[in-house]
Protein backbone atom coordinates (compact mmCIF):
# COMPACT_ATOMS: atom_id res chain seq x y z
CA MET A 1 0.00 0.00 0.00
CA ARG A 2 1.32 3.43 -0.91
CA TRP A 3 0.90 5.29 2.34
CA TRP A 4 3.63 7.95 2.28
CA PRO A 5 2.22 11.40 1.54
CA VAL A 6 3.01 13.26 -1.64
CA LEU A 7 5.27 16.19 -0.84
CA ILE A 8 7.15 18.89 -2.70
CA ALA A 9 10.60 17.35 -2.48
CA GLY A 10 12.36 19.89 -4.65
CA VAL A 11 11.96 22.67 -2.07
CA TRP A 12 13.17 20.44 0.75
CA LEU A 13 16.45 19.65 -1.00
CA ALA A 14 16.93 23.06 -2.61
CA GLY A 15 20.26 24.79 -2.39
CA CYS A 16 22.57 21.92 -3.30
CA ALA A 17 25.98 23.08 -4.44
CA THR A 18 26.93 23.09 -8.08
CA PRO A 19 29.25 20.31 -9.31
CA PRO A 20 32.99 20.81 -8.89
CA ASP A 21 34.84 22.05 -11.93
CA SER A 22 35.89 19.27 -14.30
CA GLY A 23 39.56 18.89 -15.00
CA THR A 24 42.30 16.53 -16.04
CA VAL A 25 43.52 14.00 -13.50
CA SER A 26 46.36 11.53 -13.90
CA ASP A 27 45.61 7.83 -14.29
CA GLN A 28 47.72 7.17 -11.20
CA SER A 29 45.71 9.57 -9.03
CA ARG A 30 42.45 8.14 -10.29
CA GLU A 31 43.63 4.59 -9.60
CA GLN A 32 44.78 5.48 -6.09
CA ARG A 33 41.42 7.03 -5.27
CA GLN A 34 39.57 4.05 -6.73
CA GLN A 35 41.61 1.64 -4.62
CA ALA A 36 41.02 3.64 -1.44
CA LEU A 37 37.25 3.64 -2.02
CA GLU A 38 37.16 -0.06 -2.84
CA GLN A 39 38.94 -0.81 0.45
CA ILE A 40 35.99 0.53 2.43
CA ASP A 41 34.76 -2.62 4.13
CA ALA A 42 31.81 -1.13 6.00
CA TRP A 43 30.05 2.22 6.14
CA GLN A 44 26.97 3.90 7.47
CA LEU A 45 25.22 7.14 6.83
CA LYS A 46 22.32 9.23 8.01
CA GLY A 47 20.61 11.62 5.68
CA ARG A 48 17.58 12.60 3.66
CA VAL A 49 16.30 11.48 0.30
CA ALA A 50 13.82 13.12 -2.06
CA ILE A 51 12.23 10.96 -4.74
CA ILE A 52 10.29 12.47 -7.62
CA ASN A 53 8.54 9.97 -9.89
CA GLY A 54 6.38 11.69 -12.45
CA SER A 55 3.68 13.55 -10.52
CA GLU A 56 4.49 11.79 -7.22
CA ALA A 57 7.10 12.89 -4.71
CA TRP A 58 8.42 11.66 -1.37
CA HIS A 59 10.65 13.26 1.22
CA LEU A 60 12.18 10.67 3.56
CA ASN A 61 14.82 10.25 6.21
CA VAL A 62 17.32 7.47 5.62
CA GLU A 63 19.78 5.47 7.69
CA TRP A 64 21.95 3.03 5.75
CA GLN A 65 24.43 0.49 7.15
CA GLN A 66 26.54 -1.57 4.75
CA ARG A 67 29.05 -4.32 5.58
CA GLN A 68 30.35 -6.01 2.45
CA GLU A 69 27.26 -7.61 0.84
CA ASP A 70 25.04 -7.19 3.90
CA TYR A 71 23.01 -4.03 4.40
CA ARG A 72 20.23 -2.53 6.46
CA ILE A 73 18.33 0.51 5.23
CA GLU A 74 15.67 2.34 7.22
CA LEU A 75 13.36 4.86 5.57
CA TRP A 76 10.69 6.93 7.23
CA GLY A 77 8.60 9.99 6.55
CA PRO A 78 8.03 13.22 8.46
CA PHE A 79 7.64 12.90 12.22
CA GLY A 80 8.74 9.25 12.13
CA SER A 81 5.71 8.07 10.14
CA GLY A 82 5.70 4.98 7.94
CA ARG A 83 9.03 3.49 8.96
CA VAL A 84 10.29 0.72 6.67
CA GLN A 85 13.39 -1.44 7.05
CA LEU A 86 15.19 -3.24 4.23
CA GLU A 87 17.71 -5.95 5.14
CA GLY A 88 19.63 -7.74 2.43
CA ASP A 89 22.65 -9.80 1.48
CA GLY A 90 23.84 -11.63 -1.62
CA GLN A 91 20.91 -14.06 -1.38
CA GLY A 92 17.86 -11.81 -1.09
CA VAL A 93 16.06 -8.98 0.69
CA ARG A 94 13.59 -8.72 3.54
CA LEU A 95 11.29 -5.73 4.10
CA THR A 96 9.65 -4.99 7.44
CA ASP A 97 6.93 -2.35 7.37
CA SER A 98 5.57 -0.09 10.12
CA ARG A 99 2.93 -2.70 10.99
CA GLN A 100 5.61 -5.38 11.39
CA GLY A 101 4.59 -7.11 8.19
CA ILE A 102 7.53 -9.00 6.68
CA TYR A 103 8.04 -9.56 2.95
CA TYR A 104 10.80 -11.15 0.86
CA ALA A 105 12.19 -10.75 -2.66
CA GLU A 106 15.40 -11.23 -4.61
CA ASP A 107 16.04 -7.53 -5.18
CA PRO A 108 15.35 -4.44 -3.05
CA GLU A 109 13.95 -2.25 -5.83
CA SER A 110 10.90 -4.38 -6.62
CA LEU A 111 10.26 -5.16 -2.94
CA LEU A 112 10.37 -1.50 -1.90
CA TYR A 113 8.20 -0.36 -4.79
CA GLU A 114 5.60 -3.11 -4.33
CA HIS A 115 5.00 -2.35 -0.66
CA THR A 116 5.55 1.41 -0.45
CA GLY A 117 5.32 2.86 -3.95
CA VAL A 118 8.84 4.27 -3.53
CA ASN A 119 11.04 3.78 -6.58
CA MET A 120 14.71 3.97 -5.56
CA PRO A 121 17.75 2.33 -7.23
CA VAL A 122 19.09 0.77 -4.03
CA SER A 123 21.56 -1.59 -5.72
CA GLY A 124 23.23 1.18 -7.70
CA LEU A 125 23.19 3.67 -4.85
CA ARG A 126 25.34 1.29 -2.83
CA TYR A 127 28.24 2.25 -5.15
CA TRP A 128 27.26 5.76 -6.24
CA ILE A 129 26.97 6.86 -2.62
CA LEU A 130 30.72 6.24 -2.26
CA GLY A 131 31.59 7.99 -5.51
CA LEU A 132 32.20 4.67 -7.27
CA THR A 133 30.72 3.30 -10.48
CA ASP A 134 28.33 0.36 -10.30
CA PRO A 135 30.22 -2.73 -11.58
CA ARG A 136 26.98 -4.21 -12.97
CA TYR A 137 26.87 -1.54 -15.70
CA ALA A 138 29.25 -0.38 -18.36
CA THR A 139 30.21 3.27 -17.91
CA ARG A 140 28.97 5.19 -20.93
CA GLN A 141 30.15 8.64 -19.85
CA SER A 142 32.05 9.96 -16.86
CA HIS A 143 33.51 13.26 -15.70
CA ARG A 144 35.93 13.92 -12.86
CA ASP A 145 37.32 16.96 -11.12
CA GLN A 146 40.99 17.76 -10.64
CA ALA A 147 41.13 15.59 -7.52
CA GLY A 148 39.90 12.55 -9.44
CA ARG A 149 36.41 12.60 -7.90
CA LEU A 150 33.44 11.71 -10.06
CA THR A 151 31.26 14.69 -10.87
CA ALA A 152 28.93 12.87 -13.28
CA VAL A 153 28.56 9.37 -14.68
CA LYS A 154 26.10 7.63 -16.97
CA GLN A 155 25.56 3.91 -16.47
CA GLY A 156 22.80 2.01 -18.20
CA ASP A 157 19.76 4.31 -18.16
CA TRP A 158 20.95 6.14 -15.04
CA GLN A 159 22.54 9.60 -15.02
CA VAL A 160 24.30 10.30 -11.71
CA ALA A 161 25.51 13.77 -10.67
CA PHE A 162 27.74 14.40 -7.65
CA SER A 163 27.24 18.00 -6.59
CA ARG A 164 29.31 18.08 -3.39
CA TYR A 165 31.91 16.09 -1.47
CA THR A 166 32.87 16.11 2.19
CA ARG A 167 35.99 14.95 4.01
CA VAL A 168 35.53 11.69 5.96
CA ASP A 169 38.77 10.74 7.70
CA SER A 170 41.28 10.67 4.81
CA LEU A 171 38.66 10.30 2.07
CA ALA A 172 36.43 12.66 0.16
CA LEU A 173 32.94 11.15 -0.09
CA PRO A 174 29.81 12.55 -1.73
CA ASP A 175 27.27 14.21 0.54
CA ARG A 176 25.07 15.58 -2.27
CA LEU A 177 24.11 13.52 -5.31
CA SER A 178 21.20 12.99 -7.65
CA VAL A 179 20.24 10.01 -9.81
CA ASP A 180 17.98 10.43 -12.84
CA ARG A 181 16.23 8.09 -15.25
CA GLN A 182 13.46 9.40 -17.50
CA ASP A 183 10.84 10.89 -15.13
CA LEU A 184 12.43 9.47 -11.96
CA ARG A 185 14.80 11.59 -9.87
CA VAL A 186 16.39 10.60 -6.56
CA LYS A 187 18.26 13.29 -4.60
CA LEU A 188 20.30 12.28 -1.57
CA VAL A 189 21.74 14.53 1.14
CA VAL A 190 24.12 12.86 3.60
CA ASP A 191 24.19 14.50 7.02
CA HIS A 192 26.58 12.07 8.70
CA TRP A 193 29.16 9.60 7.34
CA GLN A 194 31.09 6.83 9.09
CA VAL A 195 33.44 4.45 7.25
CA ASN A 196 35.73 1.53 8.04
CA ALA A 197 38.41 0.40 5.64
CA SER A 198 39.47 -3.22 5.12
CA GLY A 199 41.80 -4.39 7.83
CA SER A 200 40.97 -1.48 10.16
């Protein structure tokens, strides 16, 4: 059942910074950054997500914990309403809704959409959130700034724009990004990052 209210998400996430200037970066610098990001073994974030799908829009809070293939994502609306939890691994996904109903599927996108009406590319966001490309897709276009950070990438039907980065320990990670496909737009604002690298 689609029980989250329709809201004007564009106003809520207004004021995002413009993308960093594109520039030339050496292959060595790009490779070093890629390796550092791929060594992140576990991470968690707290933030806000706005989803605009045609004439429908949602404004949600999000908490995401990822450890290798295992993840737990909690989404809820204003004032704590309609809390949903997604828990997944390499084998499948479980959704628990605010009424403690439990549902299963092989992928998070179809499960989330079926039970909430929210259309969000969870599998791709796992990588894009870190400023990485999704290994499931070929990269059709990409742009980087002078520090080697992705500013835009096109993979499959998805266009991803990274409008701001923040320093997390020794890494620069996105804290503003948007993902677009046809009439679907997902805008994510990260308020708090925590990461653990492999072997730490």
